[in-house]
Amino acid sequence: MCLIVEVVAPLSALPFGPAVEEHDVELELERSVPTASRATSFVWVRGPDAASFGEAVQSLPSVDDLTLVESVSDRALYGVTWNVSETPILAALAARDAVLLECLSTADSWWLKLRVSSHRVLTDLRREWAAHGIDAEFDRITTVAAEEAPAGEGLTDTQLEALLLALERGYFEEHRGTSLAELGAELGISRQAVAARLKRAYRTLAERIRDERPPE
C-alpha cells in the first residue's frame, strides 16, 4: 500500500535553505527521484532576488553545478547537480526508493510531499533524519487511493480546515485578528505547518481559477 506524506522540515535540512533565509525568494524543486550519489534536478526561484540567487548558493558544499536556464521577470529556473551524500534528507529518500513529488520553501521551512511504500519506511525516515538533527514534522499521511479521490474544490481536508479557520479568525483582514502561531495552537500543529497548508491551499485555488478561465 503506497502512502502520500506531507512533511514540514527546517530550511537547513535541504540545499539552498540558508540562502532562502537571507534573500527575498521562494523555491520550488521540480519533481525528481534521487537515485545516485549525484542528483540532477531543476529549481524555480521566485521573488525580487531570483536572478541573483545563483551567486548566493554556488559555494554550498552540496552543490556540484548550478546553471541559470532561464530568467523571466521575477522568476528564474536553475539546473542544479548536488551531492546527495552531503544532504542527509535526500540520501535517506534515495536509500528507500521514496519519491519526492513536490518541494516548496516558505519563509522559514520546507514543505515536502512524498510517496513511500509503507509505514515502516516512514518510521525509518523519521529515525534517520532525527539522527542527523533534522526535526521534521509529518503533517499529513494518507493512501494514494484517498489522495486521488475527488475533493470539493481540490483542497485536502487539512488545507480546507486551516483556510476556513484563518478566515474566521480574521487572519486575512488588513489588521490581522490572529497569527500563524495562534492558528497552529488551535489546530494542534506548528506555525510552519499552518503556513505550509495555507500556501498549498492558495496555490490549489489559484490553479483552479486559472484552469477554469475561458481561453483569451
N, C-alpha and C. Protein backbone atom coordinates (compact mmCIF):
# COMPACT_ATOMS: atom_id res chain seq x y z
N MET A 1 0.84 -1.20 0.00
CA MET A 1 0.00 0.00 0.00
C MET A 1 0.88 1.25 0.00
N CYS A 2 0.79 2.05 -1.03
CA CYS A 2 1.57 3.28 -1.10
C CYS A 2 0.92 4.38 -0.26
N LEU A 3 1.78 5.21 0.30
CA LEU A 3 1.31 6.32 1.13
C LEU A 3 1.79 7.64 0.55
N ILE A 4 0.97 8.67 0.71
CA ILE A 4 1.35 10.04 0.37
C ILE A 4 1.55 10.78 1.68
N VAL A 5 2.68 11.42 1.82
CA VAL A 5 3.06 12.05 3.08
C VAL A 5 3.44 13.50 2.86
N GLU A 6 2.92 14.39 3.70
CA GLU A 6 3.32 15.79 3.68
C GLU A 6 4.23 16.04 4.88
N VAL A 7 5.37 16.64 4.62
CA VAL A 7 6.38 16.83 5.64
C VAL A 7 6.78 18.30 5.71
N VAL A 8 6.93 18.82 6.91
CA VAL A 8 7.48 20.16 7.12
C VAL A 8 8.85 20.00 7.76
N ALA A 9 9.86 20.54 7.12
CA ALA A 9 11.24 20.40 7.60
C ALA A 9 11.89 21.78 7.68
N PRO A 10 12.87 21.95 8.56
CA PRO A 10 13.55 23.25 8.67
C PRO A 10 14.30 23.58 7.39
N LEU A 11 14.51 24.86 7.14
CA LEU A 11 15.20 25.29 5.93
C LEU A 11 16.61 24.70 5.85
N SER A 12 17.23 24.48 6.99
CA SER A 12 18.59 23.96 6.99
C SER A 12 18.68 22.52 6.51
N ALA A 13 17.53 21.84 6.37
CA ALA A 13 17.54 20.42 6.01
C ALA A 13 17.85 20.17 4.54
N LEU A 14 17.70 21.18 3.69
CA LEU A 14 17.91 21.00 2.26
C LEU A 14 18.85 22.05 1.70
N PRO A 15 19.52 21.73 0.58
CA PRO A 15 20.36 22.75 -0.06
C PRO A 15 19.53 24.01 -0.36
N PHE A 16 20.18 25.12 -0.34
CA PHE A 16 19.58 26.43 -0.62
C PHE A 16 18.81 27.01 0.57
N GLY A 17 18.52 26.19 1.58
CA GLY A 17 17.74 26.69 2.71
C GLY A 17 18.33 27.94 3.36
N PRO A 18 19.61 27.93 3.73
CA PRO A 18 20.19 29.12 4.34
C PRO A 18 20.09 30.36 3.46
N ALA A 19 20.22 30.16 2.13
CA ALA A 19 20.13 31.30 1.22
C ALA A 19 18.71 31.85 1.16
N VAL A 20 17.70 30.98 1.32
CA VAL A 20 16.31 31.44 1.33
C VAL A 20 16.08 32.39 2.50
N GLU A 21 16.72 32.10 3.63
CA GLU A 21 16.56 32.94 4.81
C GLU A 21 17.13 34.35 4.59
N GLU A 22 18.13 34.44 3.71
CA GLU A 22 18.81 35.71 3.51
C GLU A 22 18.31 36.50 2.30
N HIS A 23 17.51 35.86 1.44
CA HIS A 23 17.05 36.52 0.23
C HIS A 23 15.53 36.48 0.13
N ASP A 24 14.98 37.44 -0.60
CA ASP A 24 13.52 37.54 -0.76
C ASP A 24 13.08 36.65 -1.92
N VAL A 25 13.07 35.33 -1.67
CA VAL A 25 12.71 34.37 -2.72
C VAL A 25 11.93 33.20 -2.12
N GLU A 26 11.23 32.50 -3.00
CA GLU A 26 10.61 31.23 -2.67
C GLU A 26 11.09 30.21 -3.71
N LEU A 27 11.30 28.98 -3.30
CA LEU A 27 11.83 27.96 -4.19
C LEU A 27 10.82 26.85 -4.40
N GLU A 28 10.88 26.25 -5.59
CA GLU A 28 10.09 25.07 -5.90
C GLU A 28 10.96 24.10 -6.68
N LEU A 29 11.23 22.95 -6.10
CA LEU A 29 12.00 21.92 -6.80
C LEU A 29 11.08 21.14 -7.70
N GLU A 30 11.47 20.97 -8.97
CA GLU A 30 10.67 20.15 -9.86
C GLU A 30 10.79 18.69 -9.46
N ARG A 31 9.78 17.91 -9.83
CA ARG A 31 9.73 16.50 -9.43
C ARG A 31 11.01 15.78 -9.84
N SER A 32 11.54 15.02 -8.89
CA SER A 32 12.76 14.28 -9.18
C SER A 32 12.85 13.08 -8.26
N VAL A 33 13.63 12.09 -8.68
CA VAL A 33 13.86 10.90 -7.87
C VAL A 33 15.36 10.75 -7.70
N PRO A 34 15.91 11.12 -6.52
CA PRO A 34 17.35 10.96 -6.33
C PRO A 34 17.73 9.49 -6.30
N THR A 35 18.50 9.02 -7.29
CA THR A 35 18.82 7.60 -7.38
C THR A 35 20.31 7.33 -7.43
N ALA A 36 21.12 8.35 -7.37
CA ALA A 36 22.57 8.15 -7.45
C ALA A 36 23.25 9.07 -6.45
N SER A 37 24.58 8.95 -6.39
CA SER A 37 25.32 9.78 -5.43
C SER A 37 25.23 11.25 -5.80
N ARG A 38 24.98 11.52 -7.10
CA ARG A 38 24.78 12.90 -7.54
C ARG A 38 23.46 12.98 -8.28
N ALA A 39 22.61 13.91 -7.85
CA ALA A 39 21.27 14.03 -8.43
C ALA A 39 21.17 15.34 -9.19
N THR A 40 20.59 15.29 -10.38
CA THR A 40 20.38 16.47 -11.19
C THR A 40 18.90 16.81 -11.21
N SER A 41 18.58 18.06 -11.00
CA SER A 41 17.19 18.47 -10.97
C SER A 41 17.11 19.93 -11.41
N PHE A 42 15.92 20.49 -11.31
CA PHE A 42 15.69 21.90 -11.63
C PHE A 42 14.94 22.54 -10.49
N VAL A 43 15.21 23.80 -10.28
CA VAL A 43 14.54 24.52 -9.20
C VAL A 43 14.10 25.88 -9.71
N TRP A 44 12.83 26.20 -9.46
CA TRP A 44 12.30 27.52 -9.77
C TRP A 44 12.53 28.44 -8.58
N VAL A 45 13.03 29.62 -8.86
CA VAL A 45 13.24 30.63 -7.82
C VAL A 45 12.33 31.81 -8.15
N ARG A 46 11.50 32.20 -7.20
CA ARG A 46 10.56 33.29 -7.42
C ARG A 46 10.76 34.38 -6.38
N GLY A 47 10.79 35.63 -6.84
CA GLY A 47 10.96 36.74 -5.92
C GLY A 47 11.90 37.78 -6.48
N PRO A 48 12.00 38.93 -5.82
CA PRO A 48 12.85 40.03 -6.30
C PRO A 48 14.31 39.65 -6.49
N ASP A 49 14.81 38.69 -5.70
CA ASP A 49 16.23 38.32 -5.79
C ASP A 49 16.46 37.09 -6.66
N ALA A 50 15.48 36.71 -7.48
CA ALA A 50 15.56 35.45 -8.23
C ALA A 50 16.77 35.39 -9.15
N ALA A 51 17.03 36.46 -9.90
CA ALA A 51 18.10 36.44 -10.90
C ALA A 51 19.49 36.34 -10.28
N SER A 52 19.65 36.89 -9.09
CA SER A 52 20.97 36.88 -8.45
C SER A 52 21.12 35.76 -7.42
N PHE A 53 20.10 34.92 -7.30
CA PHE A 53 20.12 33.87 -6.29
C PHE A 53 21.27 32.89 -6.51
N GLY A 54 21.59 32.61 -7.77
CA GLY A 54 22.62 31.63 -8.06
C GLY A 54 23.96 31.95 -7.42
N GLU A 55 24.32 33.23 -7.38
CA GLU A 55 25.59 33.62 -6.80
C GLU A 55 25.66 33.28 -5.32
N ALA A 56 24.50 33.25 -4.68
CA ALA A 56 24.48 33.02 -3.23
C ALA A 56 24.63 31.56 -2.86
N VAL A 57 24.40 30.66 -3.81
CA VAL A 57 24.41 29.23 -3.46
C VAL A 57 25.49 28.42 -4.17
N GLN A 58 26.24 29.03 -5.07
CA GLN A 58 27.24 28.28 -5.84
C GLN A 58 28.33 27.68 -4.97
N SER A 59 28.60 28.29 -3.83
CA SER A 59 29.69 27.81 -2.98
C SER A 59 29.25 26.78 -1.95
N LEU A 60 27.97 26.39 -1.96
CA LEU A 60 27.49 25.40 -0.99
C LEU A 60 28.18 24.06 -1.24
N PRO A 61 28.60 23.35 -0.18
CA PRO A 61 29.31 22.07 -0.35
C PRO A 61 28.47 21.00 -1.03
N SER A 62 27.14 21.09 -0.93
CA SER A 62 26.28 20.07 -1.52
C SER A 62 26.00 20.33 -3.00
N VAL A 63 26.38 21.50 -3.50
CA VAL A 63 26.10 21.86 -4.89
C VAL A 63 27.33 21.64 -5.75
N ASP A 64 27.22 20.72 -6.71
CA ASP A 64 28.33 20.44 -7.62
C ASP A 64 28.31 21.35 -8.85
N ASP A 65 27.12 21.67 -9.31
CA ASP A 65 27.00 22.50 -10.52
C ASP A 65 25.67 23.24 -10.48
N LEU A 66 25.68 24.49 -10.88
CA LEU A 66 24.46 25.31 -10.92
C LEU A 66 24.47 26.13 -12.19
N THR A 67 23.38 26.03 -12.97
CA THR A 67 23.30 26.72 -14.25
C THR A 67 21.98 27.47 -14.35
N LEU A 68 22.06 28.74 -14.70
CA LEU A 68 20.84 29.51 -14.94
C LEU A 68 20.29 29.13 -16.30
N VAL A 69 19.09 28.53 -16.31
CA VAL A 69 18.47 28.07 -17.55
C VAL A 69 17.66 29.18 -18.19
N GLU A 70 16.88 29.88 -17.39
CA GLU A 70 16.01 30.92 -17.93
C GLU A 70 15.66 31.90 -16.82
N SER A 71 15.54 33.17 -17.19
CA SER A 71 15.14 34.20 -16.23
C SER A 71 14.03 35.03 -16.87
N VAL A 72 12.88 35.09 -16.19
CA VAL A 72 11.73 35.83 -16.69
C VAL A 72 11.16 36.67 -15.57
N SER A 73 11.21 37.99 -15.71
CA SER A 73 10.66 38.89 -14.70
C SER A 73 11.26 38.55 -13.35
N ASP A 74 10.41 38.18 -12.37
CA ASP A 74 10.92 37.87 -11.04
C ASP A 74 11.02 36.38 -10.80
N ARG A 75 11.21 35.60 -11.88
CA ARG A 75 11.37 34.16 -11.76
C ARG A 75 12.63 33.72 -12.49
N ALA A 76 13.26 32.70 -11.97
CA ALA A 76 14.45 32.15 -12.61
C ALA A 76 14.44 30.64 -12.45
N LEU A 77 14.82 29.94 -13.51
CA LEU A 77 14.91 28.48 -13.48
C LEU A 77 16.38 28.08 -13.52
N TYR A 78 16.79 27.31 -12.52
CA TYR A 78 18.17 26.84 -12.44
C TYR A 78 18.23 25.32 -12.59
N GLY A 79 19.24 24.85 -13.32
CA GLY A 79 19.56 23.43 -13.31
C GLY A 79 20.62 23.22 -12.25
N VAL A 80 20.46 22.21 -11.43
CA VAL A 80 21.39 22.02 -10.32
C VAL A 80 21.75 20.55 -10.18
N THR A 81 23.02 20.31 -9.94
CA THR A 81 23.51 18.97 -9.62
C THR A 81 24.12 19.04 -8.24
N TRP A 82 23.59 18.24 -7.32
CA TRP A 82 24.15 18.26 -5.98
C TRP A 82 24.57 16.88 -5.52
N ASN A 83 25.42 16.89 -4.54
CA ASN A 83 25.95 15.66 -3.96
C ASN A 83 24.97 15.18 -2.89
N VAL A 84 24.26 14.10 -3.19
CA VAL A 84 23.24 13.61 -2.27
C VAL A 84 23.84 13.22 -0.92
N SER A 85 25.07 12.72 -0.93
CA SER A 85 25.70 12.30 0.32
C SER A 85 25.90 13.47 1.28
N GLU A 86 25.92 14.69 0.74
CA GLU A 86 26.05 15.87 1.58
C GLU A 86 24.69 16.36 2.07
N THR A 87 23.61 15.68 1.67
CA THR A 87 22.26 16.10 2.01
C THR A 87 21.51 14.91 2.60
N PRO A 88 21.59 14.70 3.91
CA PRO A 88 21.01 13.51 4.53
C PRO A 88 19.53 13.29 4.23
N ILE A 89 18.77 14.34 4.13
CA ILE A 89 17.33 14.16 3.91
C ILE A 89 17.07 13.53 2.54
N LEU A 90 17.88 13.87 1.53
CA LEU A 90 17.73 13.28 0.21
C LEU A 90 18.36 11.89 0.15
N ALA A 91 19.47 11.71 0.85
CA ALA A 91 20.12 10.40 0.86
C ALA A 91 19.19 9.35 1.47
N ALA A 92 18.46 9.73 2.49
CA ALA A 92 17.52 8.80 3.13
C ALA A 92 16.39 8.43 2.19
N LEU A 93 15.91 9.40 1.39
CA LEU A 93 14.85 9.12 0.42
C LEU A 93 15.36 8.16 -0.65
N ALA A 94 16.56 8.42 -1.15
CA ALA A 94 17.12 7.58 -2.21
C ALA A 94 17.33 6.15 -1.74
N ALA A 95 17.76 5.98 -0.49
CA ALA A 95 18.05 4.65 0.04
C ALA A 95 16.78 3.81 0.18
N ARG A 96 15.63 4.48 0.25
CA ARG A 96 14.37 3.76 0.47
C ARG A 96 13.41 3.87 -0.71
N ASP A 97 13.91 4.30 -1.85
CA ASP A 97 13.10 4.43 -3.06
C ASP A 97 11.86 5.29 -2.83
N ALA A 98 11.98 6.26 -1.96
CA ALA A 98 10.88 7.21 -1.73
C ALA A 98 10.92 8.27 -2.83
N VAL A 99 9.75 8.68 -3.30
CA VAL A 99 9.66 9.64 -4.40
C VAL A 99 9.31 11.02 -3.86
N LEU A 100 10.12 11.99 -4.23
CA LEU A 100 9.84 13.37 -3.86
C LEU A 100 8.92 13.97 -4.92
N LEU A 101 7.64 14.13 -4.59
CA LEU A 101 6.64 14.61 -5.54
C LEU A 101 6.63 16.13 -5.66
N GLU A 102 6.75 16.81 -4.52
CA GLU A 102 6.76 18.27 -4.51
C GLU A 102 7.66 18.75 -3.40
N CYS A 103 8.24 19.93 -3.59
CA CYS A 103 9.08 20.52 -2.56
C CYS A 103 9.05 22.03 -2.73
N LEU A 104 8.53 22.72 -1.72
CA LEU A 104 8.39 24.17 -1.77
C LEU A 104 9.00 24.78 -0.52
N SER A 105 9.53 25.98 -0.65
CA SER A 105 10.02 26.70 0.52
C SER A 105 8.98 27.69 0.99
N THR A 106 8.93 27.90 2.31
CA THR A 106 8.18 29.01 2.89
C THR A 106 9.21 29.93 3.53
N ALA A 107 8.77 30.90 4.29
CA ALA A 107 9.71 31.85 4.87
C ALA A 107 10.68 31.18 5.83
N ASP A 108 10.25 30.10 6.50
CA ASP A 108 11.14 29.50 7.50
C ASP A 108 11.13 27.98 7.50
N SER A 109 10.66 27.36 6.42
CA SER A 109 10.65 25.89 6.39
C SER A 109 10.49 25.39 4.96
N TRP A 110 10.66 24.07 4.81
CA TRP A 110 10.38 23.38 3.55
C TRP A 110 9.10 22.59 3.71
N TRP A 111 8.31 22.54 2.65
CA TRP A 111 7.14 21.67 2.60
C TRP A 111 7.41 20.63 1.53
N LEU A 112 7.39 19.35 1.94
CA LEU A 112 7.68 18.26 1.01
C LEU A 112 6.47 17.34 0.92
N LYS A 113 6.26 16.83 -0.27
CA LYS A 113 5.23 15.81 -0.49
C LYS A 113 5.92 14.57 -1.03
N LEU A 114 5.77 13.45 -0.32
CA LEU A 114 6.47 12.23 -0.66
C LEU A 114 5.50 11.10 -1.00
N ARG A 115 5.99 10.15 -1.78
CA ARG A 115 5.28 8.88 -1.95
C ARG A 115 6.20 7.78 -1.45
N VAL A 116 5.72 7.00 -0.49
CA VAL A 116 6.53 5.93 0.10
C VAL A 116 5.74 4.64 0.07
N SER A 117 6.45 3.54 0.27
CA SER A 117 5.81 2.22 0.09
C SER A 117 5.11 1.70 1.34
N SER A 118 5.45 2.23 2.52
CA SER A 118 4.86 1.66 3.73
C SER A 118 5.08 2.58 4.93
N HIS A 119 4.38 2.27 6.03
CA HIS A 119 4.59 2.99 7.28
C HIS A 119 5.98 2.70 7.84
N ARG A 120 6.50 1.53 7.56
CA ARG A 120 7.84 1.20 8.02
C ARG A 120 8.87 2.16 7.43
N VAL A 121 8.70 2.49 6.17
CA VAL A 121 9.61 3.45 5.53
C VAL A 121 9.54 4.80 6.24
N LEU A 122 8.34 5.22 6.61
CA LEU A 122 8.19 6.49 7.32
C LEU A 122 8.93 6.45 8.65
N THR A 123 8.80 5.34 9.36
CA THR A 123 9.50 5.20 10.64
C THR A 123 11.01 5.29 10.45
N ASP A 124 11.51 4.62 9.41
CA ASP A 124 12.94 4.64 9.12
C ASP A 124 13.41 6.06 8.75
N LEU A 125 12.62 6.76 7.95
CA LEU A 125 12.97 8.13 7.57
C LEU A 125 13.03 9.04 8.79
N ARG A 126 12.01 8.92 9.64
CA ARG A 126 11.96 9.77 10.83
C ARG A 126 13.20 9.54 11.70
N ARG A 127 13.56 8.27 11.90
CA ARG A 127 14.71 7.96 12.75
C ARG A 127 16.02 8.44 12.14
N GLU A 128 16.18 8.22 10.83
CA GLU A 128 17.44 8.63 10.20
C GLU A 128 17.58 10.14 10.17
N TRP A 129 16.49 10.85 9.85
CA TRP A 129 16.56 12.31 9.84
C TRP A 129 16.86 12.84 11.24
N ALA A 130 16.22 12.26 12.25
CA ALA A 130 16.45 12.70 13.62
C ALA A 130 17.91 12.48 14.01
N ALA A 131 18.49 11.38 13.54
CA ALA A 131 19.89 11.08 13.84
C ALA A 131 20.83 12.13 13.26
N HIS A 132 20.39 12.79 12.20
CA HIS A 132 21.18 13.86 11.58
C HIS A 132 20.73 15.25 12.05
N GLY A 133 19.91 15.28 13.09
CA GLY A 133 19.49 16.56 13.65
C GLY A 133 18.41 17.26 12.86
N ILE A 134 17.69 16.53 12.01
CA ILE A 134 16.62 17.13 11.20
C ILE A 134 15.28 16.90 11.91
N ASP A 135 14.71 17.96 12.42
CA ASP A 135 13.45 17.89 13.16
C ASP A 135 12.30 18.07 12.18
N ALA A 136 11.91 16.98 11.51
CA ALA A 136 10.85 17.03 10.50
C ALA A 136 9.51 16.67 11.12
N GLU A 137 8.47 17.37 10.68
CA GLU A 137 7.12 17.12 11.16
C GLU A 137 6.30 16.45 10.06
N PHE A 138 5.81 15.24 10.33
CA PHE A 138 4.98 14.53 9.38
C PHE A 138 3.55 15.05 9.55
N ASP A 139 3.18 15.98 8.69
CA ASP A 139 1.95 16.74 8.88
C ASP A 139 0.70 15.99 8.45
N ARG A 140 0.79 15.22 7.39
CA ARG A 140 -0.39 14.52 6.87
C ARG A 140 0.05 13.24 6.18
N ILE A 141 -0.63 12.14 6.49
CA ILE A 141 -0.33 10.85 5.89
C ILE A 141 -1.64 10.26 5.37
N THR A 142 -1.67 9.88 4.10
CA THR A 142 -2.87 9.30 3.52
C THR A 142 -2.47 8.26 2.48
N THR A 143 -3.43 7.48 2.03
CA THR A 143 -3.14 6.50 0.99
C THR A 143 -3.22 7.15 -0.38
N VAL A 144 -2.61 6.51 -1.37
CA VAL A 144 -2.69 7.02 -2.74
C VAL A 144 -4.14 7.06 -3.20
N ALA A 145 -4.92 6.05 -2.84
CA ALA A 145 -6.32 6.00 -3.26
C ALA A 145 -7.10 7.18 -2.71
N ALA A 146 -6.88 7.51 -1.44
CA ALA A 146 -7.58 8.65 -0.84
C ALA A 146 -7.11 9.96 -1.45
N GLU A 147 -5.84 10.03 -1.78
CA GLU A 147 -5.28 11.25 -2.37
C GLU A 147 -5.88 11.53 -3.73
N GLU A 148 -6.16 10.48 -4.50
CA GLU A 148 -6.66 10.64 -5.85
C GLU A 148 -8.17 10.81 -5.90
N ALA A 149 -8.86 10.59 -4.79
CA ALA A 149 -10.32 10.72 -4.77
C ALA A 149 -10.72 12.18 -4.95
N PRO A 150 -11.84 12.46 -5.65
CA PRO A 150 -12.28 13.84 -5.83
C PRO A 150 -12.51 14.51 -4.48
N ALA A 151 -12.13 15.75 -4.38
CA ALA A 151 -12.34 16.51 -3.15
C ALA A 151 -12.85 17.89 -3.50
N GLY A 152 -13.96 18.29 -2.85
CA GLY A 152 -14.58 19.59 -3.02
C GLY A 152 -13.99 20.49 -4.07
N GLU A 153 -13.13 21.35 -3.67
CA GLU A 153 -12.50 22.31 -4.58
C GLU A 153 -11.06 21.93 -4.85
N GLY A 154 -10.71 20.68 -4.63
CA GLY A 154 -9.33 20.27 -4.86
C GLY A 154 -8.45 20.43 -3.63
N LEU A 155 -9.02 20.94 -2.53
CA LEU A 155 -8.26 21.10 -1.30
C LEU A 155 -8.36 19.83 -0.46
N THR A 156 -7.29 19.54 0.27
CA THR A 156 -7.36 18.44 1.22
C THR A 156 -8.16 18.91 2.43
N ASP A 157 -8.59 17.97 3.25
CA ASP A 157 -9.35 18.32 4.45
C ASP A 157 -8.55 19.23 5.37
N THR A 158 -7.26 18.95 5.51
CA THR A 158 -6.44 19.75 6.41
C THR A 158 -6.21 21.16 5.86
N GLN A 159 -6.06 21.27 4.55
CA GLN A 159 -5.90 22.60 3.94
C GLN A 159 -7.17 23.41 4.10
N LEU A 160 -8.32 22.78 3.85
CA LEU A 160 -9.60 23.48 3.98
C LEU A 160 -9.83 23.91 5.42
N GLU A 161 -9.50 23.04 6.37
CA GLU A 161 -9.66 23.37 7.78
C GLU A 161 -8.84 24.59 8.16
N ALA A 162 -7.58 24.62 7.72
CA ALA A 162 -6.70 25.74 8.04
C ALA A 162 -7.18 27.02 7.36
N LEU A 163 -7.62 26.92 6.12
CA LEU A 163 -8.07 28.08 5.37
C LEU A 163 -9.32 28.70 6.01
N LEU A 164 -10.28 27.88 6.35
CA LEU A 164 -11.53 28.38 6.94
C LEU A 164 -11.29 28.96 8.34
N LEU A 165 -10.42 28.32 9.12
CA LEU A 165 -10.13 28.84 10.45
C LEU A 165 -9.44 30.20 10.34
N ALA A 166 -8.50 30.33 9.39
CA ALA A 166 -7.83 31.61 9.18
C ALA A 166 -8.82 32.70 8.81
N LEU A 167 -9.79 32.35 7.98
CA LEU A 167 -10.81 33.31 7.58
C LEU A 167 -11.67 33.71 8.77
N GLU A 168 -12.10 32.73 9.56
CA GLU A 168 -12.96 33.00 10.70
C GLU A 168 -12.25 33.83 11.78
N ARG A 169 -10.96 33.63 11.93
CA ARG A 169 -10.22 34.33 12.98
C ARG A 169 -9.67 35.67 12.52
N GLY A 170 -9.95 36.07 11.28
CA GLY A 170 -9.53 37.38 10.81
C GLY A 170 -8.10 37.46 10.34
N TYR A 171 -7.51 36.31 9.97
CA TYR A 171 -6.12 36.31 9.54
C TYR A 171 -5.93 37.10 8.25
N PHE A 172 -6.95 37.16 7.41
CA PHE A 172 -6.83 37.83 6.11
C PHE A 172 -7.25 39.30 6.15
N GLU A 173 -7.64 39.78 7.33
CA GLU A 173 -8.02 41.19 7.45
C GLU A 173 -6.78 42.09 7.35
N GLU A 174 -7.01 43.35 7.01
CA GLU A 174 -5.89 44.29 6.90
C GLU A 174 -5.11 44.35 8.21
N HIS A 175 -5.84 44.41 9.32
CA HIS A 175 -5.22 44.34 10.64
C HIS A 175 -5.53 42.95 11.19
N ARG A 176 -4.60 42.04 11.03
CA ARG A 176 -4.84 40.64 11.31
C ARG A 176 -5.36 40.41 12.73
N GLY A 177 -6.42 39.59 12.80
CA GLY A 177 -7.00 39.28 14.10
C GLY A 177 -6.35 38.10 14.79
N THR A 178 -5.40 37.46 14.11
CA THR A 178 -4.72 36.31 14.69
C THR A 178 -3.39 36.12 13.98
N SER A 179 -2.60 35.19 14.46
CA SER A 179 -1.28 34.91 13.88
C SER A 179 -1.19 33.44 13.49
N LEU A 180 -0.13 33.10 12.74
CA LEU A 180 0.08 31.71 12.38
C LEU A 180 0.29 30.84 13.63
N ALA A 181 0.98 31.40 14.62
CA ALA A 181 1.21 30.65 15.85
C ALA A 181 -0.10 30.36 16.57
N GLU A 182 -1.00 31.34 16.60
CA GLU A 182 -2.30 31.15 17.27
C GLU A 182 -3.17 30.16 16.50
N LEU A 183 -3.13 30.24 15.17
CA LEU A 183 -3.87 29.26 14.36
C LEU A 183 -3.32 27.86 14.60
N GLY A 184 -1.99 27.76 14.66
CA GLY A 184 -1.37 26.47 14.90
C GLY A 184 -1.77 25.88 16.25
N ALA A 185 -1.89 26.75 17.25
CA ALA A 185 -2.28 26.28 18.58
C ALA A 185 -3.69 25.69 18.55
N GLU A 186 -4.58 26.33 17.79
CA GLU A 186 -5.95 25.81 17.68
C GLU A 186 -6.00 24.50 16.91
N LEU A 187 -5.16 24.38 15.89
CA LEU A 187 -5.16 23.18 15.06
C LEU A 187 -4.31 22.05 15.64
N GLY A 188 -3.48 22.40 16.64
CA GLY A 188 -2.61 21.40 17.23
C GLY A 188 -1.40 21.07 16.39
N ILE A 189 -0.94 22.06 15.58
CA ILE A 189 0.24 21.87 14.74
C ILE A 189 1.14 23.10 14.88
N SER A 190 2.31 23.05 14.28
CA SER A 190 3.24 24.17 14.37
C SER A 190 2.82 25.30 13.44
N ARG A 191 3.39 26.49 13.68
CA ARG A 191 3.10 27.62 12.80
C ARG A 191 3.62 27.36 11.39
N GLN A 192 4.75 26.62 11.29
CA GLN A 192 5.29 26.29 9.97
C GLN A 192 4.32 25.40 9.19
N ALA A 193 3.69 24.47 9.91
CA ALA A 193 2.75 23.58 9.24
C ALA A 193 1.51 24.34 8.77
N VAL A 194 1.06 25.33 9.57
CA VAL A 194 -0.07 26.16 9.15
C VAL A 194 0.30 26.93 7.89
N ALA A 195 1.49 27.53 7.89
CA ALA A 195 1.94 28.29 6.72
C ALA A 195 1.99 27.41 5.48
N ALA A 196 2.46 26.17 5.64
CA ALA A 196 2.55 25.25 4.51
C ALA A 196 1.16 24.89 4.00
N ARG A 197 0.22 24.63 4.92
CA ARG A 197 -1.15 24.27 4.49
C ARG A 197 -1.81 25.44 3.75
N LEU A 198 -1.65 26.64 4.27
CA LEU A 198 -2.26 27.80 3.62
C LEU A 198 -1.61 28.04 2.25
N LYS A 199 -0.31 27.87 2.16
CA LYS A 199 0.38 28.08 0.88
C LYS A 199 -0.14 27.12 -0.17
N ARG A 200 -0.33 25.85 0.22
CA ARG A 200 -0.84 24.87 -0.73
C ARG A 200 -2.28 25.17 -1.11
N ALA A 201 -3.07 25.64 -0.14
CA ALA A 201 -4.46 25.99 -0.43
C ALA A 201 -4.53 27.15 -1.42
N TYR A 202 -3.71 28.18 -1.20
CA TYR A 202 -3.68 29.32 -2.13
C TYR A 202 -3.35 28.85 -3.54
N ARG A 203 -2.32 28.01 -3.62
CA ARG A 203 -1.87 27.56 -4.95
C ARG A 203 -2.95 26.74 -5.65
N THR A 204 -3.60 25.83 -4.90
CA THR A 204 -4.65 25.00 -5.49
C THR A 204 -5.79 25.85 -6.00
N LEU A 205 -6.22 26.82 -5.21
CA LEU A 205 -7.32 27.69 -5.64
C LEU A 205 -6.91 28.54 -6.84
N ALA A 206 -5.69 29.04 -6.83
CA ALA A 206 -5.22 29.85 -7.96
C ALA A 206 -5.17 29.02 -9.24
N GLU A 207 -4.68 27.77 -9.13
CA GLU A 207 -4.61 26.91 -10.31
C GLU A 207 -6.01 26.58 -10.83
N ARG A 208 -6.96 26.38 -9.91
CA ARG A 208 -8.34 26.09 -10.34
C ARG A 208 -8.92 27.29 -11.09
N ILE A 209 -8.70 28.50 -10.56
CA ILE A 209 -9.20 29.70 -11.23
C ILE A 209 -8.58 29.83 -12.62
N ARG A 210 -7.27 29.59 -12.70
CA ARG A 210 -6.57 29.66 -13.98
C ARG A 210 -7.15 28.66 -14.98
N ASP A 211 -7.35 27.42 -14.53
CA ASP A 211 -7.81 26.36 -15.42
C ASP A 211 -9.26 26.55 -15.86
N GLU A 212 -10.05 27.25 -15.03
CA GLU A 212 -11.46 27.42 -15.36
C GLU A 212 -11.72 28.68 -16.19
N ARG A 213 -10.71 29.52 -16.35
CA ARG A 213 -10.88 30.74 -17.16
C ARG A 213 -11.02 30.36 -18.64
N PRO A 214 -11.92 31.03 -19.35
CA PRO A 214 -12.04 30.74 -20.79
C PRO A 214 -10.79 31.22 -21.52
N PRO A 215 -10.39 30.55 -22.59
CA PRO A 215 -9.20 30.98 -23.34
C PRO A 215 -9.39 32.36 -23.93
N GLU A 216 -8.33 33.13 -23.91
CA GLU A 216 -8.40 34.52 -24.43
C GLU A 216 -8.23 34.53 -25.94
